[in-house]
């Protein structure tokens, strides 16, 4: 069938535009822009920045490819090469690539996802673990006085770094020798965006945490010595002009403490939450109660959501073992 040169030119132009829109780089940028979490909310700045960084680094190889040209063989070859220098990044980037291409399947651009599921696992070869009770005692002995409570909040309250960093005086209540910590926000520094203050990672992350009664004097002493008198005064005051305690300020003290306990490379700050979960479970907590402590949620747990009784959480908190009294103010929290 004969076609005029003008019609052929128009078809070629339309095909070129369609090819450009279906190139991975352009499609992925639109995907990140339109992406929402499970509750229909836009991506948080830290998550969005992380996706953009992965697209600019490990996944840049696919930027100019049409989606239909990304094959399983090509993905496996990319992953094999990427994993040689960055195993963890290779798994995370493969997860993002698979998520983006899942949307391309829904859009009808490709018939099936070319990213094998087994490539999305992050195998670092590094083993991390919670500290032992004796190692926790060394950490507490070594940390400076103004940051000891951060270790306790993570190890006995299950708070994330961003959560305890954002705590204010008004979030900590001491009644009849019992400390309750209201966790309702987190502070994170996002490169290129600055500080972001928002709710915890999930709706279940907004929670009231009961600390063991053995820590009450430690908390009251910290409030008296290191926290301003106003309701908005931060529990962990920053230095300099930054509005919150920076990761670098924390890491300097944390690394010294880990070296003293000989656990650097084995125990991370986040592993203090694992300590909290382990001790909480060993004290007799149910899975639901441990999830409540940590602010975790899953689809199954959300469907069968039940509030743990407040007095039950108090009982469980008091069952958690304390480090032995060794020095500084540890005597106040000793068994």
C-alpha atoms as a PDB file:
ATOM      1  CA  UNK A   1       0.000   0.000   0.000  1.00  0.00           C
ATOM      2  CA  UNK A   2       1.412   3.314  -1.068  1.00  0.00           C
ATOM      3  CA  UNK A   3       1.976   6.000   1.578  1.00  0.00           C
ATOM      4  CA  UNK A   4       2.900   9.569   0.985  1.00  0.00           C
ATOM      5  CA  UNK A   5       6.293  10.817   2.126  1.00  0.00           C
ATOM      6  CA  UNK A   6       4.504  13.141   4.591  1.00  0.00           C
ATOM      7  CA  UNK A   7       2.636  10.209   6.162  1.00  0.00           C
ATOM      8  CA  UNK A   8       5.811   8.157   6.400  1.00  0.00           C
ATOM      9  CA  UNK A   9       7.619  11.071   8.042  1.00  0.00           C
ATOM     10  CA  UNK A  10       4.778  11.518  10.549  1.00  0.00           C
ATOM     11  CA  UNK A  11       4.844   7.815  11.409  1.00  0.00           C
ATOM     12  CA  UNK A  12       8.614   7.881  11.849  1.00  0.00           C
ATOM     13  CA  UNK A  13       8.346  10.899  14.149  1.00  0.00           C
ATOM     14  CA  UNK A  14       5.621   9.225  16.220  1.00  0.00           C
ATOM     15  CA  UNK A  15       7.691   6.042  16.525  1.00  0.00           C
ATOM     16  CA  UNK A  16      10.746   8.033  17.595  1.00  0.00           C
ATOM     17  CA  UNK A  17       8.692   9.791  20.300  1.00  0.00           C
ATOM     18  CA  UNK A  18       7.283   6.481  21.476  1.00  0.00           C
ATOM     19  CA  UNK A  19      10.782   4.968  21.571  1.00  0.00           C
ATOM     20  CA  UNK A  20      12.042   7.888  23.651  1.00  0.00           C
ATOM     21  CA  UNK A  21       9.147   7.583  26.108  1.00  0.00           C
ATOM     22  CA  UNK A  22       9.828   3.861  26.450  1.00  0.00           C
ATOM     23  CA  UNK A  23      13.521   4.257  27.143  1.00  0.00           C
ATOM     24  CA  UNK A  24      14.319   3.059  30.619  1.00  0.00           C
ATOM     25  CA  UNK A  25      15.804   6.344  31.863  1.00  0.00           C
ATOM     26  CA  UNK A  26      12.764   8.444  30.962  1.00  0.00           C
ATOM     27  CA  UNK A  27      10.306   5.779  32.073  1.00  0.00           C
ATOM     28  CA  UNK A  28      12.083   5.305  35.411  1.00  0.00           C
ATOM     29  CA  UNK A  29      12.125   9.061  36.114  1.00  0.00           C
ATOM     30  CA  UNK A  30       8.376   9.217  35.533  1.00  0.00           C
ATOM     31  CA  UNK A  31       7.909   6.130  37.695  1.00  0.00           C
ATOM     32  CA  UNK A  32       9.732   7.741  40.632  1.00  0.00           C
ATOM     33  CA  UNK A  33       7.761  10.977  40.149  1.00  0.00           C
ATOM     34  CA  UNK A  34       4.420   9.177  40.224  1.00  0.00           C
ATOM     35  CA  UNK A  35       5.291   6.496  42.764  1.00  0.00           C
ATOM     36  CA  UNK A  36       3.252   6.328  45.982  1.00  0.00           C
ATOM     37  CA  UNK A  37       3.489   4.111  49.043  1.00  0.00           C
ATOM     38  CA  UNK A  38       0.911   1.535  50.061  1.00  0.00           C
ATOM     39  CA  UNK A  39      -1.305   4.246  51.552  1.00  0.00           C
ATOM     40  CA  UNK A  40      -1.290   6.363  48.407  1.00  0.00           C
ATOM     41  CA  UNK A  41       1.136   8.923  49.826  1.00  0.00           C
ATOM     42  CA  UNK A  42       4.081  10.347  47.821  1.00  0.00           C
ATOM     43  CA  UNK A  43       7.507   8.864  48.420  1.00  0.00           C
ATOM     44  CA  UNK A  44       9.403  10.332  51.333  1.00  0.00           C
ATOM     45  CA  UNK A  45      12.386  12.496  50.363  1.00  0.00           C
ATOM     46  CA  UNK A  46      14.943   9.956  51.627  1.00  0.00           C
ATOM     47  CA  UNK A  47      13.320   7.104  49.678  1.00  0.00           C
ATOM     48  CA  UNK A  48      13.035   9.190  46.533  1.00  0.00           C
ATOM     49  CA  UNK A  49      16.628  10.368  46.771  1.00  0.00           C
ATOM     50  CA  UNK A  50      17.752   6.761  47.247  1.00  0.00           C
ATOM     51  CA  UNK A  51      15.902   5.649  44.106  1.00  0.00           C
ATOM     52  CA  UNK A  52      17.351   8.526  42.089  1.00  0.00           C
ATOM     53  CA  UNK A  53      20.860   7.668  43.283  1.00  0.00           C
ATOM     54  CA  UNK A  54      20.420   4.032  42.216  1.00  0.00           C
ATOM     55  CA  UNK A  55      19.206   5.114  38.785  1.00  0.00           C
ATOM     56  CA  UNK A  56      22.172   7.444  38.361  1.00  0.00           C
ATOM     57  CA  UNK A  57      24.719   4.852  39.485  1.00  0.00           C
ATOM     58  CA  UNK A  58      24.197   1.131  39.118  1.00  0.00           C
ATOM     59  CA  UNK A  59      21.209   1.291  36.773  1.00  0.00           C
ATOM     60  CA  UNK A  60      22.648   3.964  34.493  1.00  0.00           C
ATOM     61  CA  UNK A  61      23.686   1.194  32.092  1.00  0.00           C
ATOM     62  CA  UNK A  62      20.040   0.752  31.069  1.00  0.00           C
ATOM     63  CA  UNK A  63      19.184   4.459  30.759  1.00  0.00           C
ATOM     64  CA  UNK A  64      19.100   4.624  26.939  1.00  0.00           C
ATOM     65  CA  UNK A  65      17.648   1.146  26.380  1.00  0.00           C
ATOM     66  CA  UNK A  66      14.101   0.622  25.255  1.00  0.00           C
ATOM     67  CA  UNK A  67      12.202  -1.381  27.837  1.00  0.00           C
ATOM     68  CA  UNK A  68      11.606  -4.147  25.304  1.00  0.00           C
ATOM     69  CA  UNK A  69      15.361  -4.536  24.838  1.00  0.00           C
ATOM     70  CA  UNK A  70      16.081  -5.317  28.510  1.00  0.00           C
ATOM     71  CA  UNK A  71      16.314  -9.108  28.532  1.00  0.00           C
ATOM     72  CA  UNK A  72      16.894 -11.607  31.392  1.00  0.00           C
ATOM     73  CA  UNK A  73      20.315 -12.449  29.963  1.00  0.00           C
ATOM     74  CA  UNK A  74      21.333  -8.794  29.924  1.00  0.00           C
ATOM     75  CA  UNK A  75      20.074  -8.269  33.467  1.00  0.00           C
ATOM     76  CA  UNK A  76      22.009 -11.296  34.731  1.00  0.00           C
ATOM     77  CA  UNK A  77      25.190 -10.076  33.037  1.00  0.00           C
ATOM     78  CA  UNK A  78      24.755  -6.617  34.572  1.00  0.00           C
ATOM     79  CA  UNK A  79      24.073  -8.038  38.043  1.00  0.00           C
ATOM     80  CA  UNK A  80      27.063 -10.381  37.903  1.00  0.00           C
ATOM     81  CA  UNK A  81      29.397  -7.499  37.081  1.00  0.00           C
ATOM     82  CA  UNK A  82      27.802  -5.106  39.568  1.00  0.00           C
ATOM     83  CA  UNK A  83      27.970  -7.619  42.419  1.00  0.00           C
ATOM     84  CA  UNK A  84      31.749  -7.912  42.042  1.00  0.00           C
ATOM     85  CA  UNK A  85      32.191  -4.461  43.543  1.00  0.00           C
ATOM     86  CA  UNK A  86      28.930  -3.901  45.442  1.00  0.00           C
ATOM     87  CA  UNK A  87      26.872  -6.927  46.461  1.00  0.00           C
ATOM     88  CA  UNK A  88      24.414  -5.013  48.607  1.00  0.00           C
ATOM     89  CA  UNK A  89      23.904  -2.296  46.007  1.00  0.00           C
ATOM     90  CA  UNK A  90      23.416  -4.892  43.268  1.00  0.00           C
ATOM     91  CA  UNK A  91      20.535  -6.485  45.160  1.00  0.00           C
ATOM     92  CA  UNK A  92      18.891  -3.155  45.996  1.00  0.00           C
ATOM     93  CA  UNK A  93      19.211  -1.913  42.412  1.00  0.00           C
ATOM     94  CA  UNK A  94      17.799  -5.180  41.084  1.00  0.00           C
ATOM     95  CA  UNK A  95      14.786  -4.729  43.373  1.00  0.00           C
ATOM     96  CA  UNK A  96      14.210  -1.253  42.006  1.00  0.00           C
ATOM     97  CA  UNK A  97      14.665  -2.413  38.419  1.00  0.00           C
ATOM     98  CA  UNK A  98      12.171  -5.231  38.971  1.00  0.00           C
ATOM     99  CA  UNK A  99       9.633  -2.855  40.561  1.00  0.00           C
ATOM    100  CA  UNK A 100       9.854  -0.407  37.655  1.00  0.00           C
ATOM    101  CA  UNK A 101       9.524  -3.158  35.071  1.00  0.00           C
ATOM    102  CA  UNK A 102       6.546  -4.619  36.934  1.00  0.00           C
ATOM    103  CA  UNK A 103       4.782  -1.346  36.158  1.00  0.00           C
ATOM    104  CA  UNK A 104       5.872  -1.652  32.522  1.00  0.00           C
ATOM    105  CA  UNK A 105       4.147  -5.054  32.432  1.00  0.00           C
ATOM    106  CA  UNK A 106       0.959  -3.476  33.814  1.00  0.00           C
ATOM    107  CA  UNK A 107       1.232  -0.717  31.215  1.00  0.00           C
ATOM    108  CA  UNK A 108       1.411  -3.326  28.468  1.00  0.00           C
ATOM    109  CA  UNK A 109       4.833  -2.214  27.240  1.00  0.00           C
ATOM    110  CA  UNK A 110       6.499  -5.560  27.970  1.00  0.00           C
ATOM    111  CA  UNK A 111       4.931  -8.991  28.370  1.00  0.00           C
ATOM    112  CA  UNK A 112       6.854 -10.177  31.418  1.00  0.00           C
ATOM    113  CA  UNK A 113       9.456  -8.927  33.855  1.00  0.00           C
ATOM    114  CA  UNK A 114      13.015  -9.769  32.758  1.00  0.00           C
ATOM    115  CA  UNK A 115      14.508  -9.395  36.255  1.00  0.00           C
ATOM    116  CA  UNK A 116      14.880 -12.817  37.945  1.00  0.00           C
ATOM    117  CA  UNK A 117      13.591 -12.693  41.526  1.00  0.00           C
ATOM    118  CA  UNK A 118      16.728 -14.331  42.925  1.00  0.00           C
ATOM    119  CA  UNK A 119      18.829 -11.326  41.878  1.00  0.00           C
ATOM    120  CA  UNK A 120      16.948  -9.022  44.231  1.00  0.00           C
ATOM    121  CA  UNK A 121      18.513 -10.536  47.341  1.00  0.00           C
ATOM    122  CA  UNK A 122      21.223  -8.548  49.091  1.00  0.00           C
ATOM    123  CA  UNK A 123      23.991 -10.892  50.218  1.00  0.00           C
ATOM    124  CA  UNK A 124      26.769  -8.844  51.796  1.00  0.00           C
ATOM    125  CA  UNK A 125      28.654 -11.680  53.451  1.00  0.00           C
ATOM    126  CA  UNK A 126      28.755  -9.571  56.627  1.00  0.00           C
ATOM    127  CA  UNK A 127      27.183 -10.956  59.770  1.00  0.00           C
ATOM    128  CA  UNK A 128      25.500  -8.489  62.102  1.00  0.00           C
ATOM    129  CA  UNK A 129      24.064  -9.296  65.493  1.00  0.00           C
ATOM    130  CA  UNK A 130      22.709  -7.628  68.609  1.00  0.00           C
ATOM    131  CA  UNK A 131      25.201  -7.021  71.424  1.00  0.00           C
ATOM    132  CA  UNK A 132      25.391  -9.347  74.394  1.00  0.00           C
ATOM    133  CA  UNK A 133      24.328  -8.001  77.772  1.00  0.00           C
ATOM    134  CA  UNK A 134      28.006  -7.636  78.789  1.00  0.00           C
ATOM    135  CA  UNK A 135      28.887  -5.844  75.534  1.00  0.00           C
ATOM    136  CA  UNK A 136      25.981  -3.482  76.105  1.00  0.00           C
ATOM    137  CA  UNK A 137      27.425  -2.698  79.518  1.00  0.00           C
ATOM    138  CA  UNK A 138      30.768  -1.751  77.918  1.00  0.00           C
ATOM    139  CA  UNK A 139      29.003   0.419  75.354  1.00  0.00           C
ATOM    140  CA  UNK A 140      27.173   2.276  78.116  1.00  0.00           C
ATOM    141  CA  UNK A 141      30.382   2.706  80.115  1.00  0.00           C
ATOM    142  CA  UNK A 142      32.185   4.215  77.127  1.00  0.00           C
ATOM    143  CA  UNK A 143      29.532   6.467  75.586  1.00  0.00           C
ATOM    144  CA  UNK A 144      29.635  10.134  76.672  1.00  0.00           C
ATOM    145  CA  UNK A 145      27.022  11.051  79.285  1.00  0.00           C
ATOM    146  CA  UNK A 146      24.894  13.040  76.860  1.00  0.00           C
ATOM    147  CA  UNK A 147      24.482  10.047  74.504  1.00  0.00           C
ATOM    148  CA  UNK A 148      24.154   7.113  76.912  1.00  0.00           C
ATOM    149  CA  UNK A 149      20.384   7.486  76.944  1.00  0.00           C
ATOM    150  CA  UNK A 150      20.299   7.085  73.156  1.00  0.00           C
ATOM    151  CA  UNK A 151      21.782   3.596  73.548  1.00  0.00           C
ATOM    152  CA  UNK A 152      19.218   2.750  76.222  1.00  0.00           C
ATOM    153  CA  UNK A 153      16.291   4.046  74.161  1.00  0.00           C
ATOM    154  CA  UNK A 154      17.354   1.858  71.253  1.00  0.00           C
ATOM    155  CA  UNK A 155      18.224  -1.219  73.334  1.00  0.00           C
ATOM    156  CA  UNK A 156      15.211  -1.132  75.675  1.00  0.00           C
ATOM    157  CA  UNK A 157      12.688   0.962  73.777  1.00  0.00           C
ATOM    158  CA  UNK A 158      13.436  -0.225  70.252  1.00  0.00           C
ATOM    159  CA  UNK A 159      13.699   3.332  68.897  1.00  0.00           C
ATOM    160  CA  UNK A 160      15.386   3.949  65.550  1.00  0.00           C
ATOM    161  CA  UNK A 161      18.152   6.538  65.326  1.00  0.00           C
ATOM    162  CA  UNK A 162      15.915   8.993  63.490  1.00  0.00           C
ATOM    163  CA  UNK A 163      13.206   8.518  66.124  1.00  0.00           C
ATOM    164  CA  UNK A 164      15.278   9.136  69.237  1.00  0.00           C
ATOM    165  CA  UNK A 165      17.105  11.992  67.518  1.00  0.00           C
ATOM    166  CA  UNK A 166      13.782  13.824  67.059  1.00  0.00           C
ATOM    167  CA  UNK A 167      12.537  13.372  70.638  1.00  0.00           C
ATOM    168  CA  UNK A 168      11.560  16.482  72.602  1.00  0.00           C
ATOM    169  CA  UNK A 169      11.084  16.992  76.321  1.00  0.00           C
ATOM    170  CA  UNK A 170       7.315  16.886  75.753  1.00  0.00           C
ATOM    171  CA  UNK A 171       7.652  13.374  74.282  1.00  0.00           C
ATOM    172  CA  UNK A 172       9.049  11.931  77.524  1.00  0.00           C
ATOM    173  CA  UNK A 173       6.778  11.548  80.541  1.00  0.00           C
ATOM    174  CA  UNK A 174       7.807  10.410  84.012  1.00  0.00           C
ATOM    175  CA  UNK A 175       4.895   9.517  86.283  1.00  0.00           C
ATOM    176  CA  UNK A 176       5.313   7.706  89.605  1.00  0.00           C
ATOM    177  CA  UNK A 177       8.773   6.568  88.613  1.00  0.00           C
ATOM    178  CA  UNK A 178       7.614   5.160  85.286  1.00  0.00           C
ATOM    179  CA  UNK A 179       8.945   6.527  81.966  1.00  0.00           C
ATOM    180  CA  UNK A 180       6.819   6.560  78.829  1.00  0.00           C
ATOM    181  CA  UNK A 181       8.196   7.789  75.498  1.00  0.00           C
ATOM    182  CA  UNK A 182       5.860   9.014  72.791  1.00  0.00           C
ATOM    183  CA  UNK A 183       7.315   8.246  69.352  1.00  0.00           C
ATOM    184  CA  UNK A 184       5.520  10.280  66.707  1.00  0.00           C
ATOM    185  CA  UNK A 185       8.218  11.676  64.432  1.00  0.00           C
ATOM    186  CA  UNK A 186      11.657  10.972  62.983  1.00  0.00           C
ATOM    187  CA  UNK A 187      14.430  13.275  61.743  1.00  0.00           C
ATOM    188  CA  UNK A 188      16.600  12.294  58.768  1.00  0.00           C
ATOM    189  CA  UNK A 189      19.155  14.256  56.777  1.00  0.00           C
ATOM    190  CA  UNK A 190      18.651  13.745  53.037  1.00  0.00           C
ATOM    191  CA  UNK A 191      21.502  14.751  50.745  1.00  0.00           C
ATOM    192  CA  UNK A 192      20.376  17.508  48.426  1.00  0.00           C
ATOM    193  CA  UNK A 193      17.243  18.177  50.470  1.00  0.00           C
ATOM    194  CA  UNK A 194      18.465  18.902  54.003  1.00  0.00           C
ATOM    195  CA  UNK A 195      16.686  17.767  57.160  1.00  0.00           C
ATOM    196  CA  UNK A 196      13.343  16.038  56.816  1.00  0.00           C
ATOM    197  CA  UNK A 197      11.115  15.704  59.878  1.00  0.00           C
ATOM    198  CA  UNK A 198       8.046  13.516  59.537  1.00  0.00           C
ATOM    199  CA  UNK A 199       6.229  10.547  61.028  1.00  0.00           C
ATOM    200  CA  UNK A 200       8.002   7.203  61.582  1.00  0.00           C
ATOM    201  CA  UNK A 201       8.287   4.648  58.793  1.00  0.00           C
ATOM    202  CA  UNK A 202       4.755   3.292  59.253  1.00  0.00           C
ATOM    203  CA  UNK A 203       1.515   4.167  61.003  1.00  0.00           C
ATOM    204  CA  UNK A 204       2.392   1.528  63.587  1.00  0.00           C
ATOM    205  CA  UNK A 205       5.634   3.444  64.127  1.00  0.00           C
ATOM    206  CA  UNK A 206       3.652   6.107  66.000  1.00  0.00           C
ATOM    207  CA  UNK A 207       3.582   4.482  69.414  1.00  0.00           C
ATOM    208  CA  UNK A 208       3.945   4.855  73.166  1.00  0.00           C
ATOM    209  CA  UNK A 209       6.985   2.994  74.508  1.00  0.00           C
ATOM    210  CA  UNK A 210       7.240   1.991  78.159  1.00  0.00           C
ATOM    211  CA  UNK A 211      10.786   1.750  79.515  1.00  0.00           C
ATOM    212  CA  UNK A 212      11.881  -0.608  82.293  1.00  0.00           C
ATOM    213  CA  UNK A 213      11.514   0.980  85.730  1.00  0.00           C
ATOM    214  CA  UNK A 214      15.243   0.418  86.309  1.00  0.00           C
ATOM    215  CA  UNK A 215      15.948   3.158  83.744  1.00  0.00           C
ATOM    216  CA  UNK A 216      13.776   5.851  85.328  1.00  0.00           C
ATOM    217  CA  UNK A 217      16.568   7.499  87.325  1.00  0.00           C
ATOM    218  CA  UNK A 218      18.830   7.467  84.263  1.00  0.00           C
ATOM    219  CA  UNK A 219      16.141   9.240  82.224  1.00  0.00           C
ATOM    220  CA  UNK A 220      15.415  11.817  84.925  1.00  0.00           C
ATOM    221  CA  UNK A 221      19.131  12.578  85.342  1.00  0.00           C
ATOM    222  CA  UNK A 222      19.517  13.056  81.568  1.00  0.00           C
ATOM    223  CA  UNK A 223      16.508  15.406  81.460  1.00  0.00           C
ATOM    224  CA  UNK A 224      17.975  17.427  84.312  1.00  0.00           C
ATOM    225  CA  UNK A 225      21.548  17.632  83.019  1.00  0.00           C
ATOM    226  CA  UNK A 226      21.322  17.636  79.215  1.00  0.00           C
ATOM    227  CA  UNK A 227      17.878  18.882  78.132  1.00  0.00           C
ATOM    228  CA  UNK A 228      16.556  22.436  77.962  1.00  0.00           C
ATOM    229  CA  UNK A 229      13.562  23.486  80.071  1.00  0.00           C
ATOM    230  CA  UNK A 230      11.081  23.964  77.237  1.00  0.00           C
ATOM    231  CA  UNK A 231       8.597  21.451  75.856  1.00  0.00           C
ATOM    232  CA  UNK A 232      10.270  21.633  72.418  1.00  0.00           C
ATOM    233  CA  UNK A 233      13.798  21.193  73.806  1.00  0.00           C
ATOM    234  CA  UNK A 234      15.454  18.230  72.115  1.00  0.00           C
ATOM    235  CA  UNK A 235      16.399  15.264  74.285  1.00  0.00           C
ATOM    236  CA  UNK A 236      19.705  15.082  72.393  1.00  0.00           C
ATOM    237  CA  UNK A 237      20.857  18.616  71.742  1.00  0.00           C
ATOM    238  CA  UNK A 238      22.961  19.130  68.583  1.00  0.00           C
ATOM    239  CA  UNK A 239      26.203  21.057  68.420  1.00  0.00           C
ATOM    240  CA  UNK A 240      26.807  23.986  66.106  1.00  0.00           C
ATOM    241  CA  UNK A 241      24.107  25.344  63.800  1.00  0.00           C
ATOM    242  CA  UNK A 242      22.530  22.031  62.787  1.00  0.00           C
ATOM    243  CA  UNK A 243      18.952  21.564  64.067  1.00  0.00           C
ATOM    244  CA  UNK A 244      19.488  17.911  65.052  1.00  0.00           C
ATOM    245  CA  UNK A 245      22.310  15.659  66.173  1.00  0.00           C
ATOM    246  CA  UNK A 246      24.164  14.612  63.013  1.00  0.00           C
ATOM    247  CA  UNK A 247      25.110  11.071  62.055  1.00  0.00           C
ATOM    248  CA  UNK A 248      28.784  12.028  62.141  1.00  0.00           C
ATOM    249  CA  UNK A 249      28.540  13.341  65.724  1.00  0.00           C
ATOM    250  CA  UNK A 250      26.847  10.137  66.802  1.00  0.00           C
ATOM    251  CA  UNK A 251      29.213   7.853  64.886  1.00  0.00           C
ATOM    252  CA  UNK A 252      32.343   9.365  66.443  1.00  0.00           C
ATOM    253  CA  UNK A 253      31.197   8.418  69.941  1.00  0.00           C
ATOM    254  CA  UNK A 254      29.563   5.159  68.826  1.00  0.00           C
ATOM    255  CA  UNK A 255      32.703   3.909  67.088  1.00  0.00           C
ATOM    256  CA  UNK A 256      34.835   4.602  70.173  1.00  0.00           C
ATOM    257  CA  UNK A 257      32.354   2.624  72.283  1.00  0.00           C
ATOM    258  CA  UNK A 258      32.242  -0.261  69.797  1.00  0.00           C
ATOM    259  CA  UNK A 259      36.030  -0.392  69.723  1.00  0.00           C
ATOM    260  CA  UNK A 260      36.065  -0.592  73.521  1.00  0.00           C
ATOM    261  CA  UNK A 261      33.683  -3.562  73.321  1.00  0.00           C
ATOM    262  CA  UNK A 262      35.588  -5.073  70.341  1.00  0.00           C
ATOM    263  CA  UNK A 263      32.398  -5.274  68.276  1.00  0.00           C
ATOM    264  CA  UNK A 264      32.941  -2.785  65.446  1.00  0.00           C
ATOM    265  CA  UNK A 265      31.887  -4.456  62.202  1.00  0.00           C
ATOM    266  CA  UNK A 266      29.662  -6.855  64.120  1.00  0.00           C
ATOM    267  CA  UNK A 267      27.132  -4.630  65.897  1.00  0.00           C
ATOM    268  CA  UNK A 268      25.486  -1.597  64.291  1.00  0.00           C
ATOM    269  CA  UNK A 269      23.332   1.031  65.952  1.00  0.00           C
ATOM    270  CA  UNK A 270      20.321  -0.583  64.311  1.00  0.00           C
ATOM    271  CA  UNK A 271      21.223  -3.897  65.984  1.00  0.00           C
ATOM    272  CA  UNK A 272      20.279  -2.367  69.336  1.00  0.00           C
ATOM    273  CA  UNK A 273      16.673  -2.731  68.143  1.00  0.00           C
ATOM    274  CA  UNK A 274      17.370  -6.422  67.599  1.00  0.00           C
ATOM    275  CA  UNK A 275      18.586  -6.551  71.193  1.00  0.00           C
ATOM    276  CA  UNK A 276      15.315  -4.954  72.306  1.00  0.00           C
ATOM    277  CA  UNK A 277      13.275  -7.424  70.269  1.00  0.00           C
ATOM    278  CA  UNK A 278      15.254 -10.406  71.589  1.00  0.00           C
ATOM    279  CA  UNK A 279      15.025  -9.370  75.236  1.00  0.00           C
ATOM    280  CA  UNK A 280      11.351  -8.487  74.856  1.00  0.00           C
ATOM    281  CA  UNK A 281      10.577 -11.881  73.338  1.00  0.00           C
ATOM    282  CA  UNK A 282      12.593 -13.712  75.992  1.00  0.00           C
ATOM    283  CA  UNK A 283      10.648 -11.876  78.694  1.00  0.00           C
ATOM    284  CA  UNK A 284       7.496 -13.580  77.418  1.00  0.00           C
ATOM    285  CA  UNK A 285       6.145 -11.129  74.835  1.00  0.00           C
ATOM    286  CA  UNK A 286       3.981 -12.365  71.994  1.00  0.00           C
ATOM    287  CA  UNK A 287       4.859 -11.578  68.381  1.00  0.00           C
ATOM    288  CA  UNK A 288       2.192  -8.876  68.333  1.00  0.00           C
ATOM    289  CA  UNK A 289       3.595  -7.285  71.492  1.00  0.00           C
ATOM    290  CA  UNK A 290       7.145  -7.283  70.138  1.00  0.00           C
ATOM    291  CA  UNK A 291       5.903  -5.726  66.898  1.00  0.00           C
ATOM    292  CA  UNK A 292       4.151  -3.065  68.953  1.00  0.00           C
ATOM    293  CA  UNK A 293       7.375  -2.260  70.785  1.00  0.00           C
ATOM    294  CA  UNK A 294       9.350  -1.871  67.543  1.00  0.00           C
ATOM    295  CA  UNK A 295       6.629  -0.146  65.526  1.00  0.00           C
ATOM    296  CA  UNK A 296       6.616  -2.901  62.901  1.00  0.00           C
ATOM    297  CA  UNK A 297       3.742  -3.784  60.585  1.00  0.00           C
ATOM    298  CA  UNK A 298       3.001  -6.469  58.021  1.00  0.00           C
ATOM    299  CA  UNK A 299      -0.057  -7.214  55.915  1.00  0.00           C
ATOM    300  CA  UNK A 300      -0.981 -10.198  58.061  1.00  0.00           C
ATOM    301  CA  UNK A 301      -0.371  -8.339  61.310  1.00  0.00           C
ATOM    302  CA  UNK A 302      -2.406  -5.377  60.109  1.00  0.00           C
ATOM    303  CA  UNK A 303      -5.368  -7.647  59.329  1.00  0.00           C
ATOM    304  CA  UNK A 304      -5.257  -9.176  62.805  1.00  0.00           C
ATOM    305  CA  UNK A 305      -4.262  -6.002  64.636  1.00  0.00           C
ATOM    306  CA  UNK A 306      -4.758  -6.068  68.369  1.00  0.00           C
ATOM    307  CA  UNK A 307      -3.608  -3.507  70.950  1.00  0.00           C
ATOM    308  CA  UNK A 308      -1.482  -4.914  73.756  1.00  0.00           C
ATOM    309  CA  UNK A 309      -2.718  -3.813  77.174  1.00  0.00           C
ATOM    310  CA  UNK A 310      -0.706  -0.994  78.767  1.00  0.00           C
ATOM    311  CA  UNK A 311      -0.125  -2.883  82.016  1.00  0.00           C
ATOM    312  CA  UNK A 312       1.092  -5.874  80.016  1.00  0.00           C
ATOM    313  CA  UNK A 313       3.690  -3.692  78.250  1.00  0.00           C
ATOM    314  CA  UNK A 314       4.833  -2.383  81.640  1.00  0.00           C
ATOM    315  CA  UNK A 315       5.261  -5.928  82.936  1.00  0.00           C
ATOM    316  CA  UNK A 316       7.228  -6.985  79.859  1.00  0.00           C
ATOM    317  CA  UNK A 317       9.488  -3.929  80.056  1.00  0.00           C
ATOM    318  CA  UNK A 318      10.415  -4.703  83.664  1.00  0.00           C
ATOM    319  CA  UNK A 319      11.352  -8.284  82.779  1.00  0.00           C
ATOM    320  CA  UNK A 320      14.110  -7.169  80.375  1.00  0.00           C
ATOM    321  CA  UNK A 321      17.587  -7.790  81.894  1.00  0.00           C
ATOM    322  CA  UNK A 322      19.938  -4.893  82.618  1.00  0.00           C
ATOM    323  CA  UNK A 323      23.731  -4.679  82.189  1.00  0.00           C
ATOM    324  CA  UNK A 324      25.697  -5.196  85.395  1.00  0.00           C
ATOM    325  CA  UNK A 325      26.616  -2.068  87.320  1.00  0.00           C
ATOM    326  CA  UNK A 326      30.181  -1.189  86.341  1.00  0.00           C
ATOM    327  CA  UNK A 327      30.837   2.541  86.316  1.00  0.00           C
ATOM    328  CA  UNK A 328      29.422   6.019  85.765  1.00  0.00           C
ATOM    329  CA  UNK A 329      25.672   6.007  86.287  1.00  0.00           C
ATOM    330  CA  UNK A 330      25.227   2.290  85.456  1.00  0.00           C
ATOM    331  CA  UNK A 331      24.653   1.655  89.170  1.00  0.00           C
ATOM    332  CA  UNK A 332      21.314   3.387  88.777  1.00  0.00           C
ATOM    333  CA  UNK A 333      20.185   0.899  86.152  1.00  0.00           C
ATOM    334  CA  UNK A 334      21.808  -2.226  87.615  1.00  0.00           C
ATOM    335  CA  UNK A 335      19.656  -5.201  88.539  1.00  0.00           C
END
